[in-house]
């Protein structure tokens, strides 16, 4: 299940597990397109997904140097392990998450 988090919840949610965080904004066209892909991806139960609205969580977006959206970051036990920016198809997203990029 995709979980929307705010600045107060963010650090707790990424602390003890491997999670995929979608940094987005409600006005962002590519973010809306990616949201549809993320819903399909989420049904596969590969990794927990968090969504963070950069307009509501400016400090966190700045802390992780998110300068363009959508940005996807995988965190493992609170540490960033990889990131990508921009729209991905479902197949590209699966390959990226599973470390199968070409």
PDB file of N, CA and C in Angstrom:
ATOM      1  N   UNK A   1       0.833  -1.184   0.000  1.00  0.00           N
ATOM      2  CA  UNK A   1       0.000   0.000   0.000  1.00  0.00           C
ATOM      3  C   UNK A   1       0.882   1.253   0.000  1.00  0.00           C
ATOM      4  N   UNK A   2       0.607   2.162  -0.884  1.00  0.00           N
ATOM      5  CA  UNK A   2       1.367   3.407  -0.951  1.00  0.00           C
ATOM      6  C   UNK A   2       0.939   4.293   0.220  1.00  0.00           C
ATOM      7  N   UNK A   3       1.924   4.795   0.947  1.00  0.00           N
ATOM      8  CA  UNK A   3       1.635   5.614   2.121  1.00  0.00           C
ATOM      9  C   UNK A   3       2.144   7.039   1.896  1.00  0.00           C
ATOM     10  N   UNK A   4       1.260   8.006   2.064  1.00  0.00           N
ATOM     11  CA  UNK A   4       1.657   9.415   2.004  1.00  0.00           C
ATOM     12  C   UNK A   4       2.192   9.805   3.370  1.00  0.00           C
ATOM     13  N   UNK A   5       3.385  10.397   3.376  1.00  0.00           N
ATOM     14  CA  UNK A   5       3.991  10.802   4.649  1.00  0.00           C
ATOM     15  C   UNK A   5       4.273  12.296   4.633  1.00  0.00           C
ATOM     16  N   UNK A   6       4.353  12.860   5.820  1.00  0.00           N
ATOM     17  CA  UNK A   6       4.727  14.271   5.943  1.00  0.00           C
ATOM     18  C   UNK A   6       6.119  14.373   6.550  1.00  0.00           C
ATOM     19  N   UNK A   7       6.589  15.602   6.722  1.00  0.00           N
ATOM     20  CA  UNK A   7       7.946  15.814   7.254  1.00  0.00           C
ATOM     21  C   UNK A   7       8.140  15.163   8.615  1.00  0.00           C
ATOM     22  N   UNK A   8       7.117  15.200   9.448  1.00  0.00           N
ATOM     23  CA  UNK A   8       7.241  14.646  10.799  1.00  0.00           C
ATOM     24  C   UNK A   8       7.371  13.130  10.803  1.00  0.00           C
ATOM     25  N   UNK A   9       6.754  12.465   9.839  1.00  0.00           N
ATOM     26  CA  UNK A   9       6.763  11.000   9.789  1.00  0.00           C
ATOM     27  C   UNK A   9       7.944  10.434   9.007  1.00  0.00           C
ATOM     28  N   UNK A  10       8.522  11.233   8.139  1.00  0.00           N
ATOM     29  CA  UNK A  10       9.481  10.751   7.153  1.00  0.00           C
ATOM     30  C   UNK A  10      10.635   9.946   7.751  1.00  0.00           C
ATOM     31  N   UNK A  11      11.371  10.533   8.688  1.00  0.00           N
ATOM     32  CA  UNK A  11      12.557   9.855   9.233  1.00  0.00           C
ATOM     33  C   UNK A  11      12.201   8.554   9.932  1.00  0.00           C
ATOM     34  N   UNK A  12      11.073   8.525  10.612  1.00  0.00           N
ATOM     35  CA  UNK A  12      10.638   7.291  11.280  1.00  0.00           C
ATOM     36  C   UNK A  12      10.320   6.205  10.250  1.00  0.00           C
ATOM     37  N   UNK A  13       9.701   6.602   9.143  1.00  0.00           N
ATOM     38  CA  UNK A  13       9.271   5.632   8.126  1.00  0.00           C
ATOM     39  C   UNK A  13      10.447   5.017   7.358  1.00  0.00           C
ATOM     40  N   UNK A  14      11.550   5.752   7.207  1.00  0.00           N
ATOM     41  CA  UNK A  14      12.680   5.226   6.434  1.00  0.00           C
ATOM     42  C   UNK A  14      13.723   4.550   7.315  1.00  0.00           C
ATOM     43  N   UNK A  15      13.535   4.606   8.627  1.00  0.00           N
ATOM     44  CA  UNK A  15      14.594   4.229   9.560  1.00  0.00           C
ATOM     45  C   UNK A  15      14.981   2.750   9.547  1.00  0.00           C
ATOM     46  N   UNK A  16      14.040   1.847   9.631  1.00  0.00           N
ATOM     47  CA  UNK A  16      14.372   0.449   9.909  1.00  0.00           C
ATOM     48  C   UNK A  16      14.092  -0.522   8.782  1.00  0.00           C
ATOM     49  N   UNK A  17      13.934  -0.021   7.583  1.00  0.00           N
ATOM     50  CA  UNK A  17      13.598  -0.941   6.506  1.00  0.00           C
ATOM     51  C   UNK A  17      14.078  -0.401   5.172  1.00  0.00           C
ATOM     52  N   UNK A  18      13.813  -1.164   4.126  1.00  0.00           N
ATOM     53  CA  UNK A  18      14.097  -0.740   2.756  1.00  0.00           C
ATOM     54  C   UNK A  18      12.794  -0.195   2.189  1.00  0.00           C
ATOM     55  N   UNK A  19      12.814   1.059   1.749  1.00  0.00           N
ATOM     56  CA  UNK A  19      11.611   1.693   1.209  1.00  0.00           C
ATOM     57  C   UNK A  19      11.958   2.509  -0.026  1.00  0.00           C
ATOM     58  N   UNK A  20      10.954   2.662  -0.877  1.00  0.00           N
ATOM     59  CA  UNK A  20      11.051   3.507  -2.065  1.00  0.00           C
ATOM     60  C   UNK A  20      10.264   4.775  -1.774  1.00  0.00           C
ATOM     61  N   UNK A  21      10.918   5.926  -1.885  1.00  0.00           N
ATOM     62  CA  UNK A  21      10.246   7.200  -1.640  1.00  0.00           C
ATOM     63  C   UNK A  21      10.078   7.943  -2.955  1.00  0.00           C
ATOM     64  N   UNK A  22       8.845   8.333  -3.219  1.00  0.00           N
ATOM     65  CA  UNK A  22       8.491   9.118  -4.398  1.00  0.00           C
ATOM     66  C   UNK A  22       8.357  10.575  -3.963  1.00  0.00           C
ATOM     67  N   UNK A  23       9.337  11.395  -4.351  1.00  0.00           N
ATOM     68  CA  UNK A  23       9.282  12.833  -4.102  1.00  0.00           C
ATOM     69  C   UNK A  23       8.507  13.446  -5.266  1.00  0.00           C
ATOM     70  N   UNK A  24       7.381  14.096  -4.982  1.00  0.00           N
ATOM     71  CA  UNK A  24       6.499  14.585  -6.038  1.00  0.00           C
ATOM     72  C   UNK A  24       5.868  15.920  -5.636  1.00  0.00           C
ATOM     73  N   UNK A  25       5.090  16.494  -6.563  1.00  0.00           N
ATOM     74  CA  UNK A  25       4.255  17.661  -6.269  1.00  0.00           C
ATOM     75  C   UNK A  25       2.931  17.470  -6.990  1.00  0.00           C
ATOM     76  N   UNK A  26       1.877  18.004  -6.413  1.00  0.00           N
ATOM     77  CA  UNK A  26       0.537  17.807  -6.977  1.00  0.00           C
ATOM     78  C   UNK A  26       0.384  18.473  -8.338  1.00  0.00           C
ATOM     79  N   UNK A  27       1.150  19.518  -8.617  1.00  0.00           N
ATOM     80  CA  UNK A  27       1.036  20.263  -9.878  1.00  0.00           C
ATOM     81  C   UNK A  27       1.925  19.690 -10.983  1.00  0.00           C
ATOM     82  N   UNK A  28       2.699  18.662 -10.697  1.00  0.00           N
ATOM     83  CA  UNK A  28       3.709  18.132 -11.622  1.00  0.00           C
ATOM     84  C   UNK A  28       3.096  17.080 -12.550  1.00  0.00           C
ATOM     85  N   UNK A  29       3.081  17.350 -13.851  1.00  0.00           N
ATOM     86  CA  UNK A  29       2.526  16.428 -14.834  1.00  0.00           C
ATOM     87  C   UNK A  29       3.192  15.060 -14.844  1.00  0.00           C
ATOM     88  N   UNK A  30       4.536  15.008 -14.981  1.00  0.00           N
ATOM     89  CA  UNK A  30       5.210  13.703 -14.952  1.00  0.00           C
ATOM     90  C   UNK A  30       4.986  12.947 -13.638  1.00  0.00           C
ATOM     91  N   UNK A  31       4.808  13.681 -12.535  1.00  0.00           N
ATOM     92  CA  UNK A  31       4.533  13.041 -11.243  1.00  0.00           C
ATOM     93  C   UNK A  31       3.186  12.325 -11.291  1.00  0.00           C
ATOM     94  N   UNK A  32       2.198  12.955 -11.927  1.00  0.00           N
ATOM     95  CA  UNK A  32       0.874  12.347 -12.035  1.00  0.00           C
ATOM     96  C   UNK A  32       0.937  11.093 -12.899  1.00  0.00           C
ATOM     97  N   UNK A  33       1.712  11.152 -13.987  1.00  0.00           N
ATOM     98  CA  UNK A  33       1.875   9.981 -14.851  1.00  0.00           C
ATOM     99  C   UNK A  33       2.566   8.859 -14.085  1.00  0.00           C
ATOM    100  N   UNK A  34       3.605   9.208 -13.320  1.00  0.00           N
ATOM    101  CA  UNK A  34       4.339   8.201 -12.551  1.00  0.00           C
ATOM    102  C   UNK A  34       3.461   7.607 -11.450  1.00  0.00           C
ATOM    103  N   UNK A  35       2.555   8.402 -10.898  1.00  0.00           N
ATOM    104  CA  UNK A  35       1.670   7.906  -9.838  1.00  0.00           C
ATOM    105  C   UNK A  35       0.848   6.716 -10.334  1.00  0.00           C
ATOM    106  N   UNK A  36       0.422   6.749 -11.584  1.00  0.00           N
ATOM    107  CA  UNK A  36      -0.331   5.629 -12.148  1.00  0.00           C
ATOM    108  C   UNK A  36       0.541   4.386 -12.248  1.00  0.00           C
ATOM    109  N   UNK A  37       1.789   4.569 -12.647  1.00  0.00           N
ATOM    110  CA  UNK A  37       2.745   3.458 -12.723  1.00  0.00           C
ATOM    111  C   UNK A  37       3.015   2.903 -11.321  1.00  0.00           C
ATOM    112  N   UNK A  38       3.166   3.807 -10.361  1.00  0.00           N
ATOM    113  CA  UNK A  38       3.463   3.385  -8.984  1.00  0.00           C
ATOM    114  C   UNK A  38       2.314   2.550  -8.405  1.00  0.00           C
ATOM    115  N   UNK A  39       1.080   2.897  -8.751  1.00  0.00           N
ATOM    116  CA  UNK A  39      -0.062   2.125  -8.256  1.00  0.00           C
ATOM    117  C   UNK A  39       0.005   0.685  -8.770  1.00  0.00           C
ATOM    118  N   UNK A  40       0.352   0.517 -10.047  1.00  0.00           N
ATOM    119  CA  UNK A  40       0.491  -0.835 -10.612  1.00  0.00           C
ATOM    120  C   UNK A  40       1.675  -1.561  -9.975  1.00  0.00           C
ATOM    121  N   UNK A  41       2.785  -0.851  -9.820  1.00  0.00           N
ATOM    122  CA  UNK A  41       3.992  -1.429  -9.233  1.00  0.00           C
ATOM    123  C   UNK A  41       3.733  -1.871  -7.790  1.00  0.00           C
ATOM    124  N   UNK A  42       2.979  -1.074  -7.062  1.00  0.00           N
ATOM    125  CA  UNK A  42       2.701  -1.361  -5.656  1.00  0.00           C
ATOM    126  C   UNK A  42       1.965  -2.685  -5.495  1.00  0.00           C
ATOM    127  N   UNK A  43       1.137  -3.046  -6.451  1.00  0.00           N
ATOM    128  CA  UNK A  43       0.374  -4.300  -6.377  1.00  0.00           C
ATOM    129  C   UNK A  43       1.285  -5.522  -6.408  1.00  0.00           C
ATOM    130  N   UNK A  44       2.521  -5.350  -6.872  1.00  0.00           N
ATOM    131  CA  UNK A  44       3.471  -6.467  -6.937  1.00  0.00           C
ATOM    132  C   UNK A  44       4.154  -6.729  -5.594  1.00  0.00           C
ATOM    133  N   UNK A  45       3.964  -5.813  -4.636  1.00  0.00           N
ATOM    134  CA  UNK A  45       4.523  -5.976  -3.283  1.00  0.00           C
ATOM    135  C   UNK A  45       6.021  -6.245  -3.284  1.00  0.00           C
ATOM    136  N   UNK A  46       6.764  -5.504  -4.072  1.00  0.00           N
ATOM    137  CA  UNK A  46       8.218  -5.683  -4.134  1.00  0.00           C
ATOM    138  C   UNK A  46       8.910  -4.904  -3.020  1.00  0.00           C
ATOM    139  N   UNK A  47       8.414  -3.687  -2.764  1.00  0.00           N
ATOM    140  CA  UNK A  47       9.034  -2.806  -1.773  1.00  0.00           C
ATOM    141  C   UNK A  47       7.966  -1.833  -1.270  1.00  0.00           C
ATOM    142  N   UNK A  48       7.989  -1.478   0.023  1.00  0.00           N
ATOM    143  CA  UNK A  48       7.040  -0.470   0.499  1.00  0.00           C
ATOM    144  C   UNK A  48       7.298   0.878  -0.198  1.00  0.00           C
ATOM    145  N   UNK A  49       6.222   1.587  -0.505  1.00  0.00           N
ATOM    146  CA  UNK A  49       6.334   2.868  -1.211  1.00  0.00           C
ATOM    147  C   UNK A  49       5.790   3.986  -0.329  1.00  0.00           C
ATOM    148  N   UNK A  50       6.585   5.037  -0.216  1.00  0.00           N
ATOM    149  CA  UNK A  50       6.170   6.253   0.477  1.00  0.00           C
ATOM    150  C   UNK A  50       6.107   7.385  -0.531  1.00  0.00           C
ATOM    151  N   UNK A  51       5.148   8.283  -0.373  1.00  0.00           N
ATOM    152  CA  UNK A  51       5.063   9.460  -1.222  1.00  0.00           C
ATOM    153  C   UNK A  51       5.243  10.685  -0.335  1.00  0.00           C
ATOM    154  N   UNK A  52       6.094  11.607  -0.795  1.00  0.00           N
ATOM    155  CA  UNK A  52       6.361  12.825  -0.041  1.00  0.00           C
ATOM    156  C   UNK A  52       6.191  14.023  -0.964  1.00  0.00           C
ATOM    157  N   UNK A  53       5.238  14.891  -0.636  1.00  0.00           N
ATOM    158  CA  UNK A  53       4.970  16.100  -1.418  1.00  0.00           C
ATOM    159  C   UNK A  53       6.052  17.135  -1.088  1.00  0.00           C
ATOM    160  N   UNK A  54       6.867  17.480  -2.078  1.00  0.00           N
ATOM    161  CA  UNK A  54       7.990  18.388  -1.826  1.00  0.00           C
ATOM    162  C   UNK A  54       7.525  19.785  -1.430  1.00  0.00           C
ATOM    163  N   UNK A  55       6.327  20.176  -1.847  1.00  0.00           N
ATOM    164  CA  UNK A  55       5.817  21.492  -1.455  1.00  0.00           C
ATOM    165  C   UNK A  55       5.486  21.533   0.035  1.00  0.00           C
ATOM    166  N   UNK A  56       5.101  20.391   0.596  1.00  0.00           N
ATOM    167  CA  UNK A  56       4.783  20.318   2.021  1.00  0.00           C
ATOM    168  C   UNK A  56       5.978  19.894   2.862  1.00  0.00           C
ATOM    169  N   UNK A  57       7.041  19.433   2.210  1.00  0.00           N
ATOM    170  CA  UNK A  57       8.206  18.911   2.932  1.00  0.00           C
ATOM    171  C   UNK A  57       9.488  19.489   2.340  1.00  0.00           C
ATOM    172  N   UNK A  58       9.519  20.799   2.259  1.00  0.00           N
ATOM    173  CA  UNK A  58      10.658  21.510   1.674  1.00  0.00           C
ATOM    174  C   UNK A  58      11.995  21.163   2.317  1.00  0.00           C
ATOM    175  N   UNK A  59      12.003  21.078   3.650  1.00  0.00           N
ATOM    176  CA  UNK A  59      13.266  20.826   4.358  1.00  0.00           C
ATOM    177  C   UNK A  59      13.849  19.472   3.983  1.00  0.00           C
ATOM    178  N   UNK A  60      13.001  18.461   3.886  1.00  0.00           N
ATOM    179  CA  UNK A  60      13.487  17.129   3.533  1.00  0.00           C
ATOM    180  C   UNK A  60      13.947  17.097   2.079  1.00  0.00           C
ATOM    181  N   UNK A  61      13.180  17.734   1.196  1.00  0.00           N
ATOM    182  CA  UNK A  61      13.578  17.804  -0.212  1.00  0.00           C
ATOM    183  C   UNK A  61      14.948  18.476  -0.338  1.00  0.00           C
ATOM    184  N   UNK A  62      15.169  19.542   0.408  1.00  0.00           N
ATOM    185  CA  UNK A  62      16.474  20.219   0.387  1.00  0.00           C
ATOM    186  C   UNK A  62      17.558  19.339   0.988  1.00  0.00           C
ATOM    187  N   UNK A  63      17.251  18.669   2.082  1.00  0.00           N
ATOM    188  CA  UNK A  63      18.237  17.810   2.750  1.00  0.00           C
ATOM    189  C   UNK A  63      18.753  16.726   1.799  1.00  0.00           C
ATOM    190  N   UNK A  64      17.858  16.176   0.980  1.00  0.00           N
ATOM    191  CA  UNK A  64      18.258  15.122   0.048  1.00  0.00           C
ATOM    192  C   UNK A  64      18.532  15.652  -1.356  1.00  0.00           C
ATOM    193  N   UNK A  65      18.636  16.984  -1.464  1.00  0.00           N
ATOM    194  CA  UNK A  65      18.995  17.647  -2.731  1.00  0.00           C
ATOM    195  C   UNK A  65      18.099  17.201  -3.892  1.00  0.00           C
ATOM    196  N   UNK A  66      16.804  17.169  -3.617  1.00  0.00           N
ATOM    197  CA  UNK A  66      15.822  16.868  -4.662  1.00  0.00           C
ATOM    198  C   UNK A  66      15.538  18.173  -5.390  1.00  0.00           C
ATOM    199  N   UNK A  67      16.119  18.304  -6.580  1.00  0.00           N
ATOM    200  CA  UNK A  67      15.993  19.560  -7.330  1.00  0.00           C
ATOM    201  C   UNK A  67      15.043  19.445  -8.507  1.00  0.00           C
ATOM    202  N   UNK A  68      14.688  18.240  -8.892  1.00  0.00           N
ATOM    203  CA  UNK A  68      13.677  18.073  -9.931  1.00  0.00           C
ATOM    204  C   UNK A  68      12.795  16.896  -9.544  1.00  0.00           C
ATOM    205  N   UNK A  69      11.578  16.941 -10.033  1.00  0.00           N
ATOM    206  CA  UNK A  69      10.618  15.910  -9.668  1.00  0.00           C
ATOM    207  C   UNK A  69       9.968  15.355 -10.921  1.00  0.00           C
ATOM    208  N   UNK A  70       9.507  14.121 -10.889  1.00  0.00           N
ATOM    209  CA  UNK A  70       9.586  13.199  -9.760  1.00  0.00           C
ATOM    210  C   UNK A  70      10.996  12.659  -9.551  1.00  0.00           C
ATOM    211  N   UNK A  71      11.363  12.492  -8.294  1.00  0.00           N
ATOM    212  CA  UNK A  71      12.607  11.825  -7.928  1.00  0.00           C
ATOM    213  C   UNK A  71      12.240  10.625  -7.062  1.00  0.00           C
ATOM    214  N   UNK A  72      12.812   9.491  -7.395  1.00  0.00           N
ATOM    215  CA  UNK A  72      12.614   8.275  -6.607  1.00  0.00           C
ATOM    216  C   UNK A  72      13.920   7.940  -5.907  1.00  0.00           C
ATOM    217  N   UNK A  73      13.844   7.706  -4.607  1.00  0.00           N
ATOM    218  CA  UNK A  73      15.026   7.326  -3.831  1.00  0.00           C
ATOM    219  C   UNK A  73      14.696   6.073  -3.038  1.00  0.00           C
ATOM    220  N   UNK A  74      15.602   5.103  -3.104  1.00  0.00           N
ATOM    221  CA  UNK A  74      15.473   3.928  -2.251  1.00  0.00           C
ATOM    222  C   UNK A  74      16.359   4.147  -1.029  1.00  0.00           C
ATOM    223  N   UNK A  75      15.747   3.997   0.127  1.00  0.00           N
ATOM    224  CA  UNK A  75      16.456   4.098   1.402  1.00  0.00           C
ATOM    225  C   UNK A  75      16.510   2.713   2.024  1.00  0.00           C
ATOM    226  N   UNK A  76      17.648   2.425   2.634  1.00  0.00           N
ATOM    227  CA  UNK A  76      17.786   1.188   3.393  1.00  0.00           C
ATOM    228  C   UNK A  76      18.278   1.572   4.783  1.00  0.00           C
ATOM    229  N   UNK A  77      17.444   1.305   5.781  1.00  0.00           N
ATOM    230  CA  UNK A  77      17.747   1.650   7.170  1.00  0.00           C
ATOM    231  C   UNK A  77      18.172   3.105   7.312  1.00  0.00           C
ATOM    232  N   UNK A  78      17.435   3.991   6.639  1.00  0.00           N
ATOM    233  CA  UNK A  78      17.656   5.426   6.766  1.00  0.00           C
ATOM    234  C   UNK A  78      18.701   6.018   5.839  1.00  0.00           C
ATOM    235  N   UNK A  79      19.413   5.181   5.100  1.00  0.00           N
ATOM    236  CA  UNK A  79      20.473   5.654   4.213  1.00  0.00           C
ATOM    237  C   UNK A  79      20.030   5.560   2.754  1.00  0.00           C
ATOM    238  N   UNK A  80      20.294   6.615   1.991  1.00  0.00           N
ATOM    239  CA  UNK A  80      19.993   6.574   0.572  1.00  0.00           C
ATOM    240  C   UNK A  80      20.933   5.588  -0.110  1.00  0.00           C
ATOM    241  N   UNK A  81      20.369   4.663  -0.902  1.00  0.00           N
ATOM    242  CA  UNK A  81      21.234   3.727  -1.618  1.00  0.00           C
ATOM    243  C   UNK A  81      21.189   3.932  -3.123  1.00  0.00           C
ATOM    244  N   UNK A  82      20.105   4.513  -3.636  1.00  0.00           N
ATOM    245  CA  UNK A  82      20.063   4.819  -5.070  1.00  0.00           C
ATOM    246  C   UNK A  82      18.923   5.778  -5.364  1.00  0.00           C
ATOM    247  N   UNK A  83      19.053   6.479  -6.504  1.00  0.00           N
ATOM    248  CA  UNK A  83      18.002   7.411  -6.900  1.00  0.00           C
ATOM    249  C   UNK A  83      17.914   7.504  -8.411  1.00  0.00           C
ATOM    250  N   UNK A  84      16.744   7.927  -8.859  1.00  0.00           N
ATOM    251  CA  UNK A  84      16.519   8.211 -10.264  1.00  0.00           C
ATOM    252  C   UNK A  84      15.535   9.373 -10.341  1.00  0.00           C
ATOM    253  N   UNK A  85      15.581  10.088 -11.443  1.00  0.00           N
ATOM    254  CA  UNK A  85      14.720  11.246 -11.621  1.00  0.00           C
ATOM    255  C   UNK A  85      13.971  11.125 -12.937  1.00  0.00           C
ATOM    256  N   UNK A  86      12.717  11.547 -12.922  1.00  0.00           N
ATOM    257  CA  UNK A  86      11.915  11.552 -14.137  1.00  0.00           C
ATOM    258  C   UNK A  86      10.974  10.372 -14.214  1.00  0.00           C
ATOM    259  N   UNK A  87      10.161  10.383 -15.251  1.00  0.00           N
ATOM    260  CA  UNK A  87       9.157   9.344 -15.458  1.00  0.00           C
ATOM    261  C   UNK A  87       9.809   8.022 -15.839  1.00  0.00           C
ATOM    262  N   UNK A  88       9.279   6.930 -15.307  1.00  0.00           N
ATOM    263  CA  UNK A  88       9.701   5.578 -15.680  1.00  0.00           C
ATOM    264  C   UNK A  88       8.460   4.771 -16.041  1.00  0.00           C
ATOM    265  N   UNK A  89       8.601   3.890 -17.015  1.00  0.00           N
ATOM    266  CA  UNK A  89       7.525   2.938 -17.288  1.00  0.00           C
ATOM    267  C   UNK A  89       7.536   1.889 -16.183  1.00  0.00           C
ATOM    268  N   UNK A  90       6.519   1.068 -16.140  1.00  0.00           N
ATOM    269  CA  UNK A  90       6.451   0.010 -15.141  1.00  0.00           C
ATOM    270  C   UNK A  90       7.652  -0.922 -15.269  1.00  0.00           C
ATOM    271  N   UNK A  91       8.003  -1.277 -16.504  1.00  0.00           N
ATOM    272  CA  UNK A  91       9.143  -2.173 -16.720  1.00  0.00           C
ATOM    273  C   UNK A  91      10.454  -1.524 -16.276  1.00  0.00           C
ATOM    274  N   UNK A  92      10.630  -0.245 -16.600  1.00  0.00           N
ATOM    275  CA  UNK A  92      11.856   0.462 -16.184  1.00  0.00           C
ATOM    276  C   UNK A  92      11.935   0.553 -14.667  1.00  0.00           C
ATOM    277  N   UNK A  93      10.814   0.835 -14.041  1.00  0.00           N
ATOM    278  CA  UNK A  93      10.779   0.946 -12.583  1.00  0.00           C
ATOM    279  C   UNK A  93      11.140  -0.389 -11.932  1.00  0.00           C
ATOM    280  N   UNK A  94      10.572  -1.469 -12.441  1.00  0.00           N
ATOM    281  CA  UNK A  94      10.892  -2.794 -11.885  1.00  0.00           C
ATOM    282  C   UNK A  94      12.370  -3.107 -12.033  1.00  0.00           C
ATOM    283  N   UNK A  95      12.921  -2.856 -13.209  1.00  0.00           N
ATOM    284  CA  UNK A  95      14.354  -3.126 -13.431  1.00  0.00           C
ATOM    285  C   UNK A  95      15.204  -2.276 -12.510  1.00  0.00           C
ATOM    286  N   UNK A  96      14.851  -1.004 -12.341  1.00  0.00           N
ATOM    287  CA  UNK A  96      15.629  -0.108 -11.488  1.00  0.00           C
ATOM    288  C   UNK A  96      15.599  -0.582 -10.038  1.00  0.00           C
ATOM    289  N   UNK A  97      14.415  -0.877  -9.523  1.00  0.00           N
ATOM    290  CA  UNK A  97      14.287  -1.312  -8.131  1.00  0.00           C
ATOM    291  C   UNK A  97      15.030  -2.623  -7.905  1.00  0.00           C
ATOM    292  N   UNK A  98      14.967  -3.516  -8.881  1.00  0.00           N
ATOM    293  CA  UNK A  98      15.588  -4.836  -8.731  1.00  0.00           C
ATOM    294  C   UNK A  98      17.039  -4.868  -9.210  1.00  0.00           C
ATOM    295  N   UNK A  99      17.630  -3.696  -9.446  1.00  0.00           N
ATOM    296  CA  UNK A  99      19.030  -3.597  -9.894  1.00  0.00           C
ATOM    297  C   UNK A  99      19.289  -4.332 -11.191  1.00  0.00           C
ATOM    298  N   UNK A 100      18.350  -4.218 -12.124  1.00  0.00           N
ATOM    299  CA  UNK A 100      18.502  -4.900 -13.408  1.00  0.00           C
ATOM    300  C   UNK A 100      18.582  -3.913 -14.563  1.00  0.00           C
ATOM    301  N   UNK A 101      19.026  -2.676 -14.279  1.00  0.00           N
ATOM    302  CA  UNK A 101      19.103  -1.694 -15.354  1.00  0.00           C
ATOM    303  C   UNK A 101      20.085  -2.157 -16.417  1.00  0.00           C
ATOM    304  N   UNK A 102      19.830  -1.731 -17.637  1.00  0.00           N
ATOM    305  CA  UNK A 102      20.733  -2.074 -18.735  1.00  0.00           C
ATOM    306  C   UNK A 102      21.824  -1.038 -18.845  1.00  0.00           C
TER     307      UNK A 102
END
